[in-house]
Amino acid sequence: MDNLNPIDDSFETQSKVKVTRKRKWREIEQLKEQFQLEKELRAYEDSLEYMLDEF
């Protein structure tokens, strides 16, 4: 049974790496969405300011 210990450890390490990668990928996706939202909001702000200038 001692021979299986290193194998178990390697599987645990691989699964931790996969979880970390998924977590980082989710963080990247959230940042992309946040930047896109900020960009869209800036576009609306500019159009609202333009409309207010007309009045």
Protein backbone atom coordinates (compact mmCIF):
# COMPACT_ATOMS: atom_id res chain seq x y z
CA MET A 1 0.00 0.00 0.00
CA ASP A 2 2.95 2.30 0.49
CA ASN A 3 3.58 2.21 -3.24
CA LEU A 4 0.23 3.88 -3.91
CA ASN A 5 0.91 6.87 -1.71
CA PRO A 6 2.96 8.82 -4.28
CA ILE A 7 0.29 8.12 -6.89
CA ASP A 8 -2.42 9.46 -4.59
CA ASP A 9 -0.32 12.53 -3.88
CA SER A 10 0.16 13.22 -7.58
CA PHE A 11 -3.60 12.97 -8.21
CA GLU A 12 -4.28 15.40 -5.36
CA THR A 13 -1.71 17.82 -6.71
CA GLN A 14 -3.18 17.64 -10.22
CA SER A 15 -6.71 18.24 -8.95
CA LYS A 16 -5.53 21.26 -6.92
CA VAL A 17 -3.86 22.69 -10.01
CA LYS A 18 -7.06 22.24 -12.02
CA VAL A 19 -9.14 23.95 -9.33
CA THR A 20 -6.66 26.83 -9.17
CA ARG A 21 -6.73 27.23 -12.95
CA LYS A 22 -10.53 27.25 -12.99
CA ARG A 23 -10.62 29.82 -10.21
CA LYS A 24 -8.14 32.06 -12.01
CA TRP A 25 -10.07 31.69 -15.26
CA ARG A 26 -13.28 32.73 -13.48
CA GLU A 27 -11.49 35.78 -12.08
CA ILE A 28 -10.29 36.72 -15.56
CA GLU A 29 -13.81 36.36 -16.95
CA GLN A 30 -15.19 38.55 -14.16
CA LEU A 31 -12.61 41.24 -14.88
CA LYS A 32 -13.46 41.15 -18.58
CA GLU A 33 -17.17 41.53 -17.79
CA GLN A 34 -16.44 44.38 -15.39
CA PHE A 35 -14.37 46.26 -17.99
CA GLN A 36 -17.07 45.72 -20.61
CA LEU A 37 -19.75 47.04 -18.25
CA GLU A 38 -17.65 50.09 -17.40
CA LYS A 39 -17.12 50.74 -21.10
CA GLU A 40 -20.86 50.53 -21.79
CA LEU A 41 -21.66 52.80 -18.85
CA ARG A 42 -19.19 55.41 -20.12
CA ALA A 43 -20.95 55.36 -23.47
CA TYR A 44 -24.29 56.02 -21.78
CA GLU A 45 -22.78 58.78 -19.65
CA ASP A 46 -21.46 60.53 -22.74
CA SER A 47 -24.82 60.36 -24.47
CA LEU A 48 -26.62 61.65 -21.36
CA GLU A 49 -24.21 64.55 -21.04
CA TYR A 50 -24.80 65.38 -24.70
CA MET A 51 -28.57 65.36 -24.14
CA LEU A 52 -28.24 67.61 -21.10
CA ASP A 53 -26.10 70.07 -23.06
CA GLU A 54 -28.90 70.43 -25.61
CA PHE A 55 -31.33 71.58 -22.93
